[in-house]
């Protein structure tokens, strides 16, 4: 899966109030928050794609921004595995024809389940069928259940597929389990549940240039404040300017220097140049160690050299991007 690619020209993104393109009318839609677009989510997408192909119609996703939990609990927003841009990239990479992004606001939250079906699914999207997970609920007070959706499909003339959970290790694959793994620094587990390497995307910004002074010039990215990735050192791959570079990265507060706001600092192997202002995608392959404060800058540099060699070995083991 090419995590760094932009949205292809034929991939449609439709937002509130926009007219549905004729090519997407009477399509099959997979509905969900899809944070992470993990293996279980893709099972729902696959059902929609299979039915769309059988009927020679479009397959698309219907998702919500911001995450509904951010709307209902704005003071404690969830750790987003895939913010909107990343989620749209993954929809396109999974060969959907388009995505509908609805703003989750007071107006949407106040729609009853029947109004959501009649106004959104039938009136606006004009769907032929829908695929949802077994625990999908919708509408005011989450009154719309999978059973309600099946009945609504019969009344309104669209097909409904309820997709059972995908299990891994005897437990359902879930966004919550992936968040827990990332917070623990268990990149291998998170990537296994996702079915791809977790990644972040951002603009390269100016830092304090301490890395350059130490012989490790870094490209710095400010991640979303909700990011709860374990602070530490990681083996990563950096996608920038159409190329992929093996790299080592630090995410954290730099206890050696300032204990400032969390920052992702990426040291690209075999690269020299200016990356400021460019968009970079950083793909995580493995966790190396926690961030730490050393007795001297010389000790820090020695550890950074060891980190680089360990990252290179891990990335060689992981294979090509």
Protein backbone atom coordinates (compact mmCIF):
# COMPACT_ATOMS: atom_id res chain seq x y z
CA UNK A 1 0.00 0.00 0.00
CA UNK A 2 1.52 3.32 -1.08
CA UNK A 3 0.97 5.44 2.02
CA UNK A 4 2.63 8.52 0.55
CA UNK A 5 0.62 8.86 -2.62
CA UNK A 6 -1.85 11.70 -3.01
CA UNK A 7 -5.44 11.27 -4.14
CA UNK A 8 -5.75 10.01 -7.73
CA UNK A 9 -7.58 12.15 -10.27
CA UNK A 10 -10.51 9.74 -10.51
CA UNK A 11 -11.14 9.60 -6.77
CA UNK A 12 -14.10 11.80 -5.74
CA UNK A 13 -14.36 13.50 -2.34
CA UNK A 14 -17.88 14.81 -1.63
CA UNK A 15 -18.73 17.03 1.32
CA UNK A 16 -21.90 18.39 2.92
CA UNK A 17 -24.12 20.23 0.49
CA UNK A 18 -22.28 19.15 -2.64
CA UNK A 19 -24.10 17.42 -5.47
CA UNK A 20 -23.34 13.75 -5.89
CA UNK A 21 -21.49 13.11 -9.17
CA UNK A 22 -23.57 10.96 -11.53
CA UNK A 23 -20.80 8.34 -11.49
CA UNK A 24 -21.39 7.73 -7.77
CA UNK A 25 -25.18 7.66 -7.79
CA UNK A 26 -26.81 4.30 -6.98
CA UNK A 27 -23.51 3.07 -5.57
CA UNK A 28 -22.62 0.85 -2.63
CA UNK A 29 -21.39 2.66 0.44
CA UNK A 30 -19.43 1.48 3.47
CA UNK A 31 -20.24 3.60 6.53
CA UNK A 32 -18.08 4.18 9.58
CA UNK A 33 -15.58 6.39 11.36
CA UNK A 34 -12.80 4.18 9.97
CA UNK A 35 -10.06 5.65 12.18
CA UNK A 36 -6.97 3.72 11.15
CA UNK A 37 -8.72 1.94 8.29
CA UNK A 38 -7.45 -1.29 9.83
CA UNK A 39 -7.98 -4.85 8.63
CA UNK A 40 -11.46 -5.02 10.17
CA UNK A 41 -12.49 -1.78 8.48
CA UNK A 42 -11.20 -3.03 5.15
CA UNK A 43 -13.39 -6.11 5.49
CA UNK A 44 -16.37 -3.72 5.45
CA UNK A 45 -14.96 -1.87 2.44
CA UNK A 46 -14.41 -5.16 0.63
CA UNK A 47 -18.06 -6.15 1.01
CA UNK A 48 -19.14 -2.84 -0.54
CA UNK A 49 -16.59 -3.27 -3.35
CA UNK A 50 -17.72 -6.83 -4.12
CA UNK A 51 -21.38 -5.81 -4.44
CA UNK A 52 -20.49 -2.69 -6.42
CA UNK A 53 -18.49 -4.75 -8.90
CA UNK A 54 -21.30 -7.30 -9.29
CA UNK A 55 -23.72 -4.50 -10.10
CA UNK A 56 -21.27 -2.40 -12.13
CA UNK A 57 -21.71 0.64 -9.86
CA UNK A 58 -19.40 2.77 -7.72
CA UNK A 59 -18.01 1.76 -4.33
CA UNK A 60 -17.47 4.49 -1.77
CA UNK A 61 -17.05 5.21 1.92
CA UNK A 62 -19.13 7.50 4.11
CA UNK A 63 -17.20 8.85 7.07
CA UNK A 64 -17.35 11.69 9.58
CA UNK A 65 -15.06 14.57 10.59
CA UNK A 66 -14.16 15.38 13.22
CA UNK A 67 -14.31 12.06 15.02
CA UNK A 68 -17.70 11.96 16.82
CA UNK A 69 -15.89 11.51 20.13
CA UNK A 70 -14.24 14.91 19.59
CA UNK A 71 -17.70 16.44 19.16
CA UNK A 72 -19.22 14.87 22.25
CA UNK A 73 -16.09 15.21 24.42
CA UNK A 74 -14.15 18.21 23.03
CA UNK A 75 -11.92 18.41 26.11
CA UNK A 76 -10.65 14.86 25.63
CA UNK A 77 -10.32 14.28 21.88
CA UNK A 78 -9.29 10.76 20.84
CA UNK A 79 -5.80 9.90 19.66
CA UNK A 80 -6.44 9.87 15.92
CA UNK A 81 -4.67 6.99 14.17
CA UNK A 82 -5.44 8.49 10.77
CA UNK A 83 -6.49 12.14 10.52
CA UNK A 84 -8.70 13.04 7.56
CA UNK A 85 -5.94 13.42 4.96
CA UNK A 86 -4.42 10.04 5.83
CA UNK A 87 -7.83 8.36 5.85
CA UNK A 88 -8.68 9.69 2.40
CA UNK A 89 -5.34 8.42 1.07
CA UNK A 90 -6.12 4.98 2.43
CA UNK A 91 -9.61 4.98 0.90
CA UNK A 92 -8.06 5.75 -2.48
CA UNK A 93 -5.31 3.15 -2.00
CA UNK A 94 -8.04 0.56 -1.34
CA UNK A 95 -9.50 1.23 -4.80
CA UNK A 96 -12.69 2.99 -3.80
CA UNK A 97 -14.26 5.32 -6.32
CA UNK A 98 -14.83 8.05 -3.77
CA UNK A 99 -15.53 9.11 -0.21
CA UNK A 100 -18.28 11.17 1.37
CA UNK A 101 -17.00 13.25 4.30
CA UNK A 102 -19.78 14.58 6.52
CA UNK A 103 -19.12 17.20 9.17
CA UNK A 104 -20.09 15.78 12.54
CA UNK A 105 -21.88 18.71 14.14
CA UNK A 106 -25.02 19.53 16.12
CA UNK A 107 -27.19 19.28 13.01
CA UNK A 108 -25.97 15.81 12.12
CA UNK A 109 -26.03 14.59 15.72
CA UNK A 110 -29.68 15.66 16.03
CA UNK A 111 -30.91 13.63 13.04
CA UNK A 112 -32.98 10.62 14.00
CA UNK A 113 -32.00 7.27 12.56
CA UNK A 114 -34.91 7.43 10.12
CA UNK A 115 -33.96 10.96 9.05
CA UNK A 116 -30.38 9.87 8.45
CA UNK A 117 -31.60 7.08 6.19
CA UNK A 118 -34.21 9.10 4.29
CA UNK A 119 -32.31 12.39 3.98
CA UNK A 120 -28.70 11.23 3.67
CA UNK A 121 -28.58 7.68 2.34
CA UNK A 122 -31.65 7.84 0.10
CA UNK A 123 -32.26 11.52 -0.60
CA UNK A 124 -28.69 12.77 -1.03
CA UNK A 125 -26.53 9.75 -1.86
CA UNK A 126 -29.19 7.66 -3.57
CA UNK A 127 -27.48 4.42 -2.58
CA UNK A 128 -28.14 0.96 -3.96
CA UNK A 129 -26.67 -0.74 -0.92
CA UNK A 130 -24.74 -0.27 2.30
CA UNK A 131 -22.15 -2.24 4.28
CA UNK A 132 -21.51 -1.59 7.99
CA UNK A 133 -19.79 -3.30 10.88
CA UNK A 134 -21.75 -5.43 13.32
CA UNK A 135 -21.60 -2.74 16.03
CA UNK A 136 -22.46 0.28 13.87
CA UNK A 137 -25.00 2.65 15.44
CA UNK A 138 -26.18 5.97 14.07
CA UNK A 139 -28.73 8.73 14.50
CA UNK A 140 -29.79 10.71 17.55
CA UNK A 141 -28.86 8.89 20.78
CA UNK A 142 -27.41 6.09 18.60
CA UNK A 143 -30.91 4.73 18.07
CA UNK A 144 -30.09 3.32 14.64
CA UNK A 145 -28.83 -0.25 14.98
CA UNK A 146 -27.79 -2.78 12.31
CA UNK A 147 -31.25 -4.34 12.70
CA UNK A 148 -32.91 -0.96 12.14
CA UNK A 149 -30.78 -0.46 9.03
CA UNK A 150 -31.83 -3.84 7.61
CA UNK A 151 -35.49 -2.93 8.10
CA UNK A 152 -34.92 0.54 6.60
CA UNK A 153 -33.30 -1.03 3.57
CA UNK A 154 -36.37 -3.15 2.97
CA UNK A 155 -38.62 -0.10 3.25
CA UNK A 156 -36.51 2.19 1.08
CA UNK A 157 -35.25 -0.34 -1.46
CA UNK A 158 -31.53 -0.70 -0.78
CA UNK A 159 -29.52 -3.73 0.23
CA UNK A 160 -27.80 -3.99 3.62
CA UNK A 161 -24.78 -6.11 4.55
CA UNK A 162 -23.72 -6.43 8.18
CA UNK A 163 -20.05 -7.44 8.43
CA UNK A 164 -18.94 -9.51 11.40
CA UNK A 165 -15.79 -8.55 13.34
CA UNK A 166 -12.37 -9.68 12.18
CA UNK A 167 -10.55 -11.43 15.02
CA UNK A 168 -6.83 -11.44 15.75
CA UNK A 169 -5.52 -13.44 18.66
CA UNK A 170 -9.08 -14.23 19.71
CA UNK A 171 -10.04 -10.55 19.96
CA UNK A 172 -11.65 -8.24 17.39
CA UNK A 173 -9.31 -5.97 15.46
CA UNK A 174 -10.20 -2.50 16.70
CA UNK A 175 -9.00 1.10 16.64
CA UNK A 176 -8.79 0.98 20.44
CA UNK A 177 -6.33 -1.90 20.40
CA UNK A 178 -4.20 -0.08 17.83
CA UNK A 179 -4.19 3.12 19.91
CA UNK A 180 -3.11 1.08 22.94
CA UNK A 181 -0.27 -0.49 20.95
CA UNK A 182 0.97 2.88 19.68
CA UNK A 183 0.81 4.39 23.16
CA UNK A 184 2.94 1.46 24.36
CA UNK A 185 5.40 1.87 21.50
CA UNK A 186 4.47 -1.59 20.20
CA UNK A 187 4.80 -0.65 16.54
CA UNK A 188 4.98 -4.28 15.40
CA UNK A 189 1.62 -5.03 17.02
CA UNK A 190 0.00 -1.85 15.72
CA UNK A 191 1.21 -2.56 12.19
CA UNK A 192 -0.04 -6.15 12.38
CA UNK A 193 -3.52 -5.00 13.36
CA UNK A 194 -3.53 -2.23 10.76
CA UNK A 195 -2.25 -4.43 7.95
CA UNK A 196 0.21 -1.71 6.88
CA UNK A 197 2.87 0.45 8.51
CA UNK A 198 1.34 3.23 10.58
CA UNK A 199 2.28 6.64 9.22
CA UNK A 200 2.00 10.35 9.91
CA UNK A 201 2.13 13.25 7.48
CA UNK A 202 3.12 16.85 8.01
CA UNK A 203 5.04 19.85 6.79
CA UNK A 204 8.75 20.02 7.58
CA UNK A 205 9.26 22.96 9.94
CA UNK A 206 12.25 24.80 11.36
CA UNK A 207 13.61 23.52 14.65
CA UNK A 208 16.45 24.55 16.94
CA UNK A 209 18.99 22.97 14.54
CA UNK A 210 20.65 21.13 17.42
CA UNK A 211 20.72 17.93 15.39
CA UNK A 212 22.74 19.63 12.67
CA UNK A 213 25.26 20.79 15.27
CA UNK A 214 25.57 17.21 16.52
CA UNK A 215 26.01 15.77 13.02
CA UNK A 216 22.43 14.53 12.73
CA UNK A 217 20.41 17.15 10.78
CA UNK A 218 16.72 16.37 11.20
CA UNK A 219 13.48 17.14 9.40
CA UNK A 220 10.99 18.23 12.05
CA UNK A 221 7.23 17.65 12.03
CA UNK A 222 4.69 18.87 14.56
CA UNK A 223 2.10 16.12 15.07
CA UNK A 224 -1.49 16.61 16.15
CA UNK A 225 -1.71 17.43 19.88
CA UNK A 226 -3.94 14.37 20.37
CA UNK A 227 -1.09 12.06 19.30
CA UNK A 228 -0.20 9.76 22.18
CA UNK A 229 2.56 7.79 20.49
CA UNK A 230 5.09 6.65 23.08
CA UNK A 231 7.98 9.07 23.33
CA UNK A 232 11.09 7.39 22.04
CA UNK A 233 13.33 6.49 19.12
CA UNK A 234 11.97 4.69 16.06
CA UNK A 235 13.11 3.07 12.82
CA UNK A 236 11.13 4.79 10.08
CA UNK A 237 10.93 5.45 6.37
CA UNK A 238 10.46 9.00 5.13
CA UNK A 239 8.53 9.69 1.92
CA UNK A 240 9.33 13.13 0.54
CA UNK A 241 9.78 14.66 -2.90
CA UNK A 242 8.68 11.45 -4.60
CA UNK A 243 11.46 9.39 -2.97
CA UNK A 244 11.71 7.08 0.04
CA UNK A 245 14.54 7.24 2.56
CA UNK A 246 15.42 4.92 5.41
CA UNK A 247 15.63 6.98 8.59
CA UNK A 248 15.69 7.07 12.36
CA UNK A 249 13.30 9.34 14.25
CA UNK A 250 12.79 10.71 17.72
CA UNK A 251 9.35 11.60 19.01
CA UNK A 252 9.22 13.41 22.30
CA UNK A 253 10.20 16.42 24.33
CA UNK A 254 14.03 16.36 24.08
CA UNK A 255 14.94 15.86 27.78
CA UNK A 256 18.59 16.49 26.93
CA UNK A 257 17.75 20.08 26.04
CA UNK A 258 14.40 21.73 26.79
CA UNK A 259 11.56 19.28 27.61
CA UNK A 260 9.48 21.31 25.16
CA UNK A 261 6.36 20.46 23.20
CA UNK A 262 6.42 17.01 21.56
CA UNK A 263 8.13 17.03 18.15
CA UNK A 264 8.93 14.36 15.57
CA UNK A 265 12.56 14.72 14.45
CA UNK A 266 13.58 12.56 11.49
CA UNK A 267 17.20 11.90 10.45
CA UNK A 268 17.26 10.66 6.85
CA UNK A 269 20.13 8.37 5.93
CA UNK A 270 21.95 9.17 2.69
CA UNK A 271 20.29 12.54 2.19
CA UNK A 272 21.54 16.09 2.07
CA UNK A 273 19.48 19.12 1.18
CA UNK A 274 16.77 21.48 2.35
CA UNK A 275 13.34 20.00 3.12
CA UNK A 276 11.74 22.99 4.82
CA UNK A 277 8.15 23.57 3.78
CA UNK A 278 7.80 20.20 2.03
CA UNK A 279 5.19 17.62 3.00
CA UNK A 280 6.67 14.45 4.42
CA UNK A 281 5.09 11.11 5.25
CA UNK A 282 6.85 9.12 7.96
CA UNK A 283 6.15 5.40 8.07
CA UNK A 284 6.95 3.61 11.34
CA UNK A 285 8.70 0.23 11.20
CA UNK A 286 9.81 -0.36 14.78
CA UNK A 287 10.49 1.00 18.27
CA UNK A 288 14.11 1.18 19.40
CA UNK A 289 14.16 2.74 22.88
CA UNK A 290 12.67 5.40 25.13
CA UNK A 291 14.01 8.93 24.91
CA UNK A 292 16.51 9.68 27.65
CA UNK A 293 18.83 12.31 29.08
CA UNK A 294 22.55 11.50 28.87
CA UNK A 295 25.45 12.61 31.03
CA UNK A 296 27.06 14.48 28.14
CA UNK A 297 26.55 15.44 24.51
CA UNK A 298 29.30 12.97 23.59
CA UNK A 299 27.31 10.16 25.21
CA UNK A 300 24.20 11.32 23.36
CA UNK A 301 25.99 11.31 20.00
CA UNK A 302 27.40 7.84 20.66
CA UNK A 303 23.88 6.57 21.39
CA UNK A 304 22.51 8.29 18.27
CA UNK A 305 25.09 6.43 16.20
CA UNK A 306 24.00 3.16 17.79
CA UNK A 307 20.35 4.06 17.14
CA UNK A 308 21.11 4.70 13.48
CA UNK A 309 22.80 1.34 13.04
CA UNK A 310 19.97 -0.45 14.84
CA UNK A 311 17.39 1.35 12.68
CA UNK A 312 19.23 0.40 9.50
CA UNK A 313 19.31 -3.26 10.57
CA UNK A 314 15.61 -3.27 11.45
CA UNK A 315 14.68 -1.65 8.13
CA UNK A 316 16.81 -4.16 6.20
CA UNK A 317 14.92 -6.92 7.99
CA UNK A 318 11.60 -5.24 7.19
CA UNK A 319 12.41 -5.26 3.47
CA UNK A 320 11.75 -2.65 0.81
CA UNK A 321 9.11 0.03 1.21
